[in-house]
Amino acid sequence: WRMRLNNYLQECGERDNVTWEIYMSGPQHRPTWHATVYIRGYRYGMSSARTRGTAKEEAARQALLAL
């Protein structure tokens, strides 16, 4: 989903307007990763997951579907 989102935004000329907010919460031995993707400052997707990559994938999926 991240690659699809990136390709879509590149085609639209919006690739430089994407920002990610990523942080971890919880104990080190069992973290929860939170990812939010913004396009031109507007939130288009957000997710929480056990791994950073999974959280980013789901946030990208949501963003692409919203677009």
PDB file of N, CA and C in Angstrom:
ATOM      1  N   TRP A   1       0.824  -1.205   0.000  1.00  0.00           N
ATOM      2  CA  TRP A   1       0.000   0.000   0.000  1.00  0.00           C
ATOM      3  C   TRP A   1       0.859   1.256   0.000  1.00  0.00           C
ATOM      4  N   ARG A   2       1.988   1.200   0.700  1.00  0.00           N
ATOM      5  CA  ARG A   2       2.852   2.382   0.715  1.00  0.00           C
ATOM      6  C   ARG A   2       3.372   2.686  -0.683  1.00  0.00           C
ATOM      7  N   MET A   3       3.758   1.645  -1.414  1.00  0.00           N
ATOM      8  CA  MET A   3       4.269   1.854  -2.766  1.00  0.00           C
ATOM      9  C   MET A   3       3.168   2.375  -3.687  1.00  0.00           C
ATOM     10  N   ARG A   4       1.975   1.824  -3.551  1.00  0.00           N
ATOM     11  CA  ARG A   4       0.851   2.294  -4.365  1.00  0.00           C
ATOM     12  C   ARG A   4       0.539   3.758  -4.066  1.00  0.00           C
ATOM     13  N   LEU A   5       0.536   4.103  -2.781  1.00  0.00           N
ATOM     14  CA  LEU A   5       0.276   5.493  -2.397  1.00  0.00           C
ATOM     15  C   LEU A   5       1.361   6.402  -2.958  1.00  0.00           C
ATOM     16  N   ASN A   6       2.594   5.995  -2.826  1.00  0.00           N
ATOM     17  CA  ASN A   6       3.703   6.786  -3.338  1.00  0.00           C
ATOM     18  C   ASN A   6       3.581   6.991  -4.846  1.00  0.00           C
ATOM     19  N   ASN A   7       3.277   5.926  -5.570  1.00  0.00           N
ATOM     20  CA  ASN A   7       3.137   6.029  -7.025  1.00  0.00           C
ATOM     21  C   ASN A   7       1.987   6.952  -7.410  1.00  0.00           C
ATOM     22  N   TYR A   8       0.875   6.810  -6.730  1.00  0.00           N
ATOM     23  CA  TYR A   8      -0.289   7.657  -7.002  1.00  0.00           C
ATOM     24  C   TYR A   8       0.048   9.134  -6.780  1.00  0.00           C
ATOM     25  N   LEU A   9       0.678   9.422  -5.647  1.00  0.00           N
ATOM     26  CA  LEU A   9       1.004  10.809  -5.324  1.00  0.00           C
ATOM     27  C   LEU A   9       2.053  11.375  -6.266  1.00  0.00           C
ATOM     28  N   GLN A  10       2.953  10.520  -6.714  1.00  0.00           N
ATOM     29  CA  GLN A  10       3.964  10.972  -7.668  1.00  0.00           C
ATOM     30  C   GLN A  10       3.302  11.354  -8.996  1.00  0.00           C
ATOM     31  N   GLU A  11       2.334  10.562  -9.436  1.00  0.00           N
ATOM     32  CA  GLU A  11       1.608  10.866 -10.667  1.00  0.00           C
ATOM     33  C   GLU A  11       0.837  12.179 -10.558  1.00  0.00           C
ATOM     34  N   CYS A  12       0.338  12.458  -9.367  1.00  0.00           N
ATOM     35  CA  CYS A  12      -0.453  13.679  -9.141  1.00  0.00           C
ATOM     36  C   CYS A  12       0.419  14.885  -8.811  1.00  0.00           C
ATOM     37  N   GLY A  13       1.712  14.683  -8.674  1.00  0.00           N
ATOM     38  CA  GLY A  13       2.608  15.781  -8.326  1.00  0.00           C
ATOM     39  C   GLY A  13       2.529  16.179  -6.865  1.00  0.00           C
ATOM     40  N   GLU A  14       2.066  15.269  -6.018  1.00  0.00           N
ATOM     41  CA  GLU A  14       1.885  15.581  -4.593  1.00  0.00           C
ATOM     42  C   GLU A  14       2.897  14.861  -3.692  1.00  0.00           C
ATOM     43  N   ARG A  15       3.850  14.173  -4.266  1.00  0.00           N
ATOM     44  CA  ARG A  15       4.766  13.361  -3.463  1.00  0.00           C
ATOM     45  C   ARG A  15       5.503  14.180  -2.396  1.00  0.00           C
ATOM     46  N   ASP A  16       5.850  15.407  -2.713  1.00  0.00           N
ATOM     47  CA  ASP A  16       6.581  16.254  -1.759  1.00  0.00           C
ATOM     48  C   ASP A  16       5.695  16.814  -0.659  1.00  0.00           C
ATOM     49  N   ASN A  17       4.393  16.593  -0.745  1.00  0.00           N
ATOM     50  CA  ASN A  17       3.458  17.129   0.244  1.00  0.00           C
ATOM     51  C   ASN A  17       3.010  16.080   1.265  1.00  0.00           C
ATOM     52  N   VAL A  18       3.720  14.962   1.332  1.00  0.00           N
ATOM     53  CA  VAL A  18       3.363  13.871   2.245  1.00  0.00           C
ATOM     54  C   VAL A  18       4.276  13.905   3.462  1.00  0.00           C
ATOM     55  N   THR A  19       3.662  13.806   4.647  1.00  0.00           N
ATOM     56  CA  THR A  19       4.439  13.679   5.876  1.00  0.00           C
ATOM     57  C   THR A  19       3.861  12.532   6.698  1.00  0.00           C
ATOM     58  N   TRP A  20       4.730  11.906   7.462  1.00  0.00           N
ATOM     59  CA  TRP A  20       4.339  10.804   8.329  1.00  0.00           C
ATOM     60  C   TRP A  20       4.624  11.174   9.775  1.00  0.00           C
ATOM     61  N   GLU A  21       3.731  10.785  10.648  1.00  0.00           N
ATOM     62  CA  GLU A  21       3.953  10.895  12.091  1.00  0.00           C
ATOM     63  C   GLU A  21       3.973   9.458  12.607  1.00  0.00           C
ATOM     64  N   ILE A  22       5.110   9.041  13.155  1.00  0.00           N
ATOM     65  CA  ILE A  22       5.252   7.663  13.621  1.00  0.00           C
ATOM     66  C   ILE A  22       5.833   7.692  15.028  1.00  0.00           C
ATOM     67  N   TYR A  23       5.195   6.950  15.912  1.00  0.00           N
ATOM     68  CA  TYR A  23       5.735   6.843  17.264  1.00  0.00           C
ATOM     69  C   TYR A  23       5.354   5.501  17.867  1.00  0.00           C
ATOM     70  N   MET A  24       6.068   5.161  18.916  1.00  0.00           N
ATOM     71  CA  MET A  24       5.875   3.896  19.606  1.00  0.00           C
ATOM     72  C   MET A  24       5.352   4.156  21.012  1.00  0.00           C
ATOM     73  N   SER A  25       4.471   3.299  21.472  1.00  0.00           N
ATOM     74  CA  SER A  25       3.998   3.387  22.854  1.00  0.00           C
ATOM     75  C   SER A  25       4.044   1.989  23.463  1.00  0.00           C
ATOM     76  N   GLY A  26       3.897   1.943  24.755  1.00  0.00           N
ATOM     77  CA  GLY A  26       3.904   0.650  25.433  1.00  0.00           C
ATOM     78  C   GLY A  26       5.306   0.237  25.842  1.00  0.00           C
ATOM     79  N   PRO A  27       5.405  -0.932  26.466  1.00  0.00           N
ATOM     80  CA  PRO A  27       6.707  -1.408  26.929  1.00  0.00           C
ATOM     81  C   PRO A  27       7.602  -1.832  25.764  1.00  0.00           C
ATOM     82  N   GLN A  28       8.908  -1.765  25.984  1.00  0.00           N
ATOM     83  CA  GLN A  28       9.874  -2.121  24.942  1.00  0.00           C
ATOM     84  C   GLN A  28       9.703  -3.561  24.450  1.00  0.00           C
ATOM     85  N   HIS A  29       9.328  -4.454  25.337  1.00  0.00           N
ATOM     86  CA  HIS A  29       9.217  -5.859  24.943  1.00  0.00           C
ATOM     87  C   HIS A  29       7.923  -6.164  24.182  1.00  0.00           C
ATOM     88  N   ARG A  30       6.988  -5.228  24.183  1.00  0.00           N
ATOM     89  CA  ARG A  30       5.732  -5.412  23.457  1.00  0.00           C
ATOM     90  C   ARG A  30       5.190  -4.044  23.009  1.00  0.00           C
ATOM     91  N   PRO A  31       5.885  -3.430  22.061  1.00  0.00           N
ATOM     92  CA  PRO A  31       5.490  -2.076  21.655  1.00  0.00           C
ATOM     93  C   PRO A  31       4.262  -2.070  20.747  1.00  0.00           C
ATOM     94  N   THR A  32       3.622  -0.923  20.714  1.00  0.00           N
ATOM     95  CA  THR A  32       2.572  -0.649  19.742  1.00  0.00           C
ATOM     96  C   THR A  32       3.033   0.549  18.930  1.00  0.00           C
ATOM     97  N   TRP A  33       3.041   0.382  17.625  1.00  0.00           N
ATOM     98  CA  TRP A  33       3.450   1.457  16.731  1.00  0.00           C
ATOM     99  C   TRP A  33       2.217   2.174  16.203  1.00  0.00           C
ATOM    100  N   HIS A  34       2.328   3.490  16.108  1.00  0.00           N
ATOM    101  CA  HIS A  34       1.245   4.339  15.623  1.00  0.00           C
ATOM    102  C   HIS A  34       1.766   5.114  14.409  1.00  0.00           C
ATOM    103  N   ALA A  35       1.019   5.085  13.330  1.00  0.00           N
ATOM    104  CA  ALA A  35       1.422   5.797  12.113  1.00  0.00           C
ATOM    105  C   ALA A  35       0.251   6.621  11.594  1.00  0.00           C
ATOM    106  N   THR A  36       0.543   7.850  11.226  1.00  0.00           N
ATOM    107  CA  THR A  36      -0.445   8.741  10.630  1.00  0.00           C
ATOM    108  C   THR A  36       0.181   9.356   9.392  1.00  0.00           C
ATOM    109  N   VAL A  37      -0.552   9.357   8.292  1.00  0.00           N
ATOM    110  CA  VAL A  37      -0.060   9.961   7.055  1.00  0.00           C
ATOM    111  C   VAL A  37      -0.875  11.215   6.759  1.00  0.00           C
ATOM    112  N   TYR A  38      -0.147  12.297   6.462  1.00  0.00           N
ATOM    113  CA  TYR A  38      -0.746  13.586   6.142  1.00  0.00           C
ATOM    114  C   TYR A  38      -0.383  13.960   4.709  1.00  0.00           C
ATOM    115  N   ILE A  39      -1.329  14.509   3.993  1.00  0.00           N
ATOM    116  CA  ILE A  39      -1.078  15.024   2.658  1.00  0.00           C
ATOM    117  C   ILE A  39      -1.544  16.473   2.669  1.00  0.00           C
ATOM    118  N   ARG A  40      -0.611  17.363   2.386  1.00  0.00           N
ATOM    119  CA  ARG A  40      -0.860  18.814   2.462  1.00  0.00           C
ATOM    120  C   ARG A  40      -1.412  19.216   3.830  1.00  0.00           C
ATOM    121  N   GLY A  41      -0.945  18.541   4.857  1.00  0.00           N
ATOM    122  CA  GLY A  41      -1.330  18.881   6.225  1.00  0.00           C
ATOM    123  C   GLY A  41      -2.624  18.262   6.709  1.00  0.00           C
ATOM    124  N   TYR A  42      -3.328  17.549   5.837  1.00  0.00           N
ATOM    125  CA  TYR A  42      -4.584  16.900   6.231  1.00  0.00           C
ATOM    126  C   TYR A  42      -4.352  15.414   6.482  1.00  0.00           C
ATOM    127  N   ARG A  43      -4.938  14.901   7.529  1.00  0.00           N
ATOM    128  CA  ARG A  43      -4.784  13.486   7.860  1.00  0.00           C
ATOM    129  C   ARG A  43      -5.645  12.639   6.935  1.00  0.00           C
ATOM    130  N   TYR A  44      -5.006  11.676   6.283  1.00  0.00           N
ATOM    131  CA  TYR A  44      -5.722  10.793   5.374  1.00  0.00           C
ATOM    132  C   TYR A  44      -5.757   9.351   5.861  1.00  0.00           C
ATOM    133  N   GLY A  45      -4.890   8.974   6.768  1.00  0.00           N
ATOM    134  CA  GLY A  45      -4.901   7.607   7.276  1.00  0.00           C
ATOM    135  C   GLY A  45      -4.141   7.515   8.580  1.00  0.00           C
ATOM    136  N   MET A  46      -4.603   6.602   9.439  1.00  0.00           N
ATOM    137  CA  MET A  46      -3.889   6.378  10.694  1.00  0.00           C
ATOM    138  C   MET A  46      -4.120   4.948  11.148  1.00  0.00           C
ATOM    139  N   SER A  47      -3.117   4.398  11.832  1.00  0.00           N
ATOM    140  CA  SER A  47      -3.206   3.003  12.233  1.00  0.00           C
ATOM    141  C   SER A  47      -2.286   2.742  13.417  1.00  0.00           C
ATOM    142  N   SER A  48      -2.597   1.667  14.136  1.00  0.00           N
ATOM    143  CA  SER A  48      -1.741   1.172  15.212  1.00  0.00           C
ATOM    144  C   SER A  48      -1.543  -0.317  14.982  1.00  0.00           C
ATOM    145  N   ALA A  49      -0.317  -0.794  15.237  1.00  0.00           N
ATOM    146  CA  ALA A  49      -0.014  -2.208  15.013  1.00  0.00           C
ATOM    147  C   ALA A  49       1.212  -2.605  15.837  1.00  0.00           C
ATOM    148  N   ARG A  50       1.493  -3.874  15.851  1.00  0.00           N
ATOM    149  CA  ARG A  50       2.642  -4.392  16.608  1.00  0.00           C
ATOM    150  C   ARG A  50       3.972  -4.060  15.958  1.00  0.00           C
ATOM    151  N   THR A  51       3.983  -3.828  14.634  1.00  0.00           N
ATOM    152  CA  THR A  51       5.225  -3.459  13.967  1.00  0.00           C
ATOM    153  C   THR A  51       5.049  -2.118  13.267  1.00  0.00           C
ATOM    154  N   ARG A  52       6.159  -1.431  13.107  1.00  0.00           N
ATOM    155  CA  ARG A  52       6.148  -0.127  12.446  1.00  0.00           C
ATOM    156  C   ARG A  52       5.661  -0.261  11.002  1.00  0.00           C
ATOM    157  N   GLY A  53       6.172  -1.253  10.295  1.00  0.00           N
ATOM    158  CA  GLY A  53       5.803  -1.452   8.901  1.00  0.00           C
ATOM    159  C   GLY A  53       4.326  -1.730   8.713  1.00  0.00           C
ATOM    160  N   THR A  54       3.764  -2.547   9.586  1.00  0.00           N
ATOM    161  CA  THR A  54       2.343  -2.870   9.490  1.00  0.00           C
ATOM    162  C   THR A  54       1.486  -1.632   9.745  1.00  0.00           C
ATOM    163  N   ALA A  55       1.880  -0.818  10.705  1.00  0.00           N
ATOM    164  CA  ALA A  55       1.135   0.413  10.990  1.00  0.00           C
ATOM    165  C   ALA A  55       1.179   1.357   9.792  1.00  0.00           C
ATOM    166  N   LYS A  56       2.351   1.485   9.157  1.00  0.00           N
ATOM    167  CA  LYS A  56       2.471   2.361   7.994  1.00  0.00           C
ATOM    168  C   LYS A  56       1.675   1.823   6.812  1.00  0.00           C
ATOM    169  N   GLU A  57       1.689   0.514   6.615  1.00  0.00           N
ATOM    170  CA  GLU A  57       0.941  -0.081   5.506  1.00  0.00           C
ATOM    171  C   GLU A  57      -0.547   0.209   5.628  1.00  0.00           C
ATOM    172  N   GLU A  58      -1.083   0.032   6.824  1.00  0.00           N
ATOM    173  CA  GLU A  58      -2.519   0.251   7.020  1.00  0.00           C
ATOM    174  C   GLU A  58      -2.877   1.733   6.874  1.00  0.00           C
ATOM    175  N   ALA A  59      -2.028   2.604   7.377  1.00  0.00           N
ATOM    176  CA  ALA A  59      -2.280   4.045   7.226  1.00  0.00           C
ATOM    177  C   ALA A  59      -2.232   4.432   5.750  1.00  0.00           C
ATOM    178  N   ALA A  60      -1.296   3.861   5.002  1.00  0.00           N
ATOM    179  CA  ALA A  60      -1.208   4.139   3.566  1.00  0.00           C
ATOM    180  C   ALA A  60      -2.431   3.598   2.835  1.00  0.00           C
ATOM    181  N   ARG A  61      -2.921   2.436   3.229  1.00  0.00           N
ATOM    182  CA  ARG A  61      -4.113   1.850   2.616  1.00  0.00           C
ATOM    183  C   ARG A  61      -5.310   2.781   2.811  1.00  0.00           C
ATOM    184  N   GLN A  62      -5.478   3.249   4.028  1.00  0.00           N
ATOM    185  CA  GLN A  62      -6.576   4.156   4.330  1.00  0.00           C
ATOM    186  C   GLN A  62      -6.468   5.445   3.521  1.00  0.00           C
ATOM    187  N   ALA A  63      -5.258   5.971   3.420  1.00  0.00           N
ATOM    188  CA  ALA A  63      -5.059   7.210   2.675  1.00  0.00           C
ATOM    189  C   ALA A  63      -5.392   7.018   1.207  1.00  0.00           C
ATOM    190  N   LEU A  64      -4.920   5.933   0.636  1.00  0.00           N
ATOM    191  CA  LEU A  64      -5.179   5.684  -0.785  1.00  0.00           C
ATOM    192  C   LEU A  64      -6.666   5.501  -1.055  1.00  0.00           C
ATOM    193  N   LEU A  65      -7.344   4.803  -0.188  1.00  0.00           N
ATOM    194  CA  LEU A  65      -8.786   4.627  -0.365  1.00  0.00           C
ATOM    195  C   LEU A  65      -9.538   5.949  -0.207  1.00  0.00           C
ATOM    196  N   ALA A  66      -9.055   6.815   0.670  1.00  0.00           N
ATOM    197  CA  ALA A  66      -9.694   8.110   0.871  1.00  0.00           C
ATOM    198  C   ALA A  66      -9.497   9.034  -0.335  1.00  0.00           C
ATOM    199  N   LEU A  67      -8.387   8.844  -1.019  1.00  0.00           N
ATOM    200  CA  LEU A  67      -8.119   9.685  -2.195  1.00  0.00           C
ATOM    201  C   LEU A  67      -8.919   9.207  -3.377  1.00  0.00           C
TER     202      LEU A  67
END
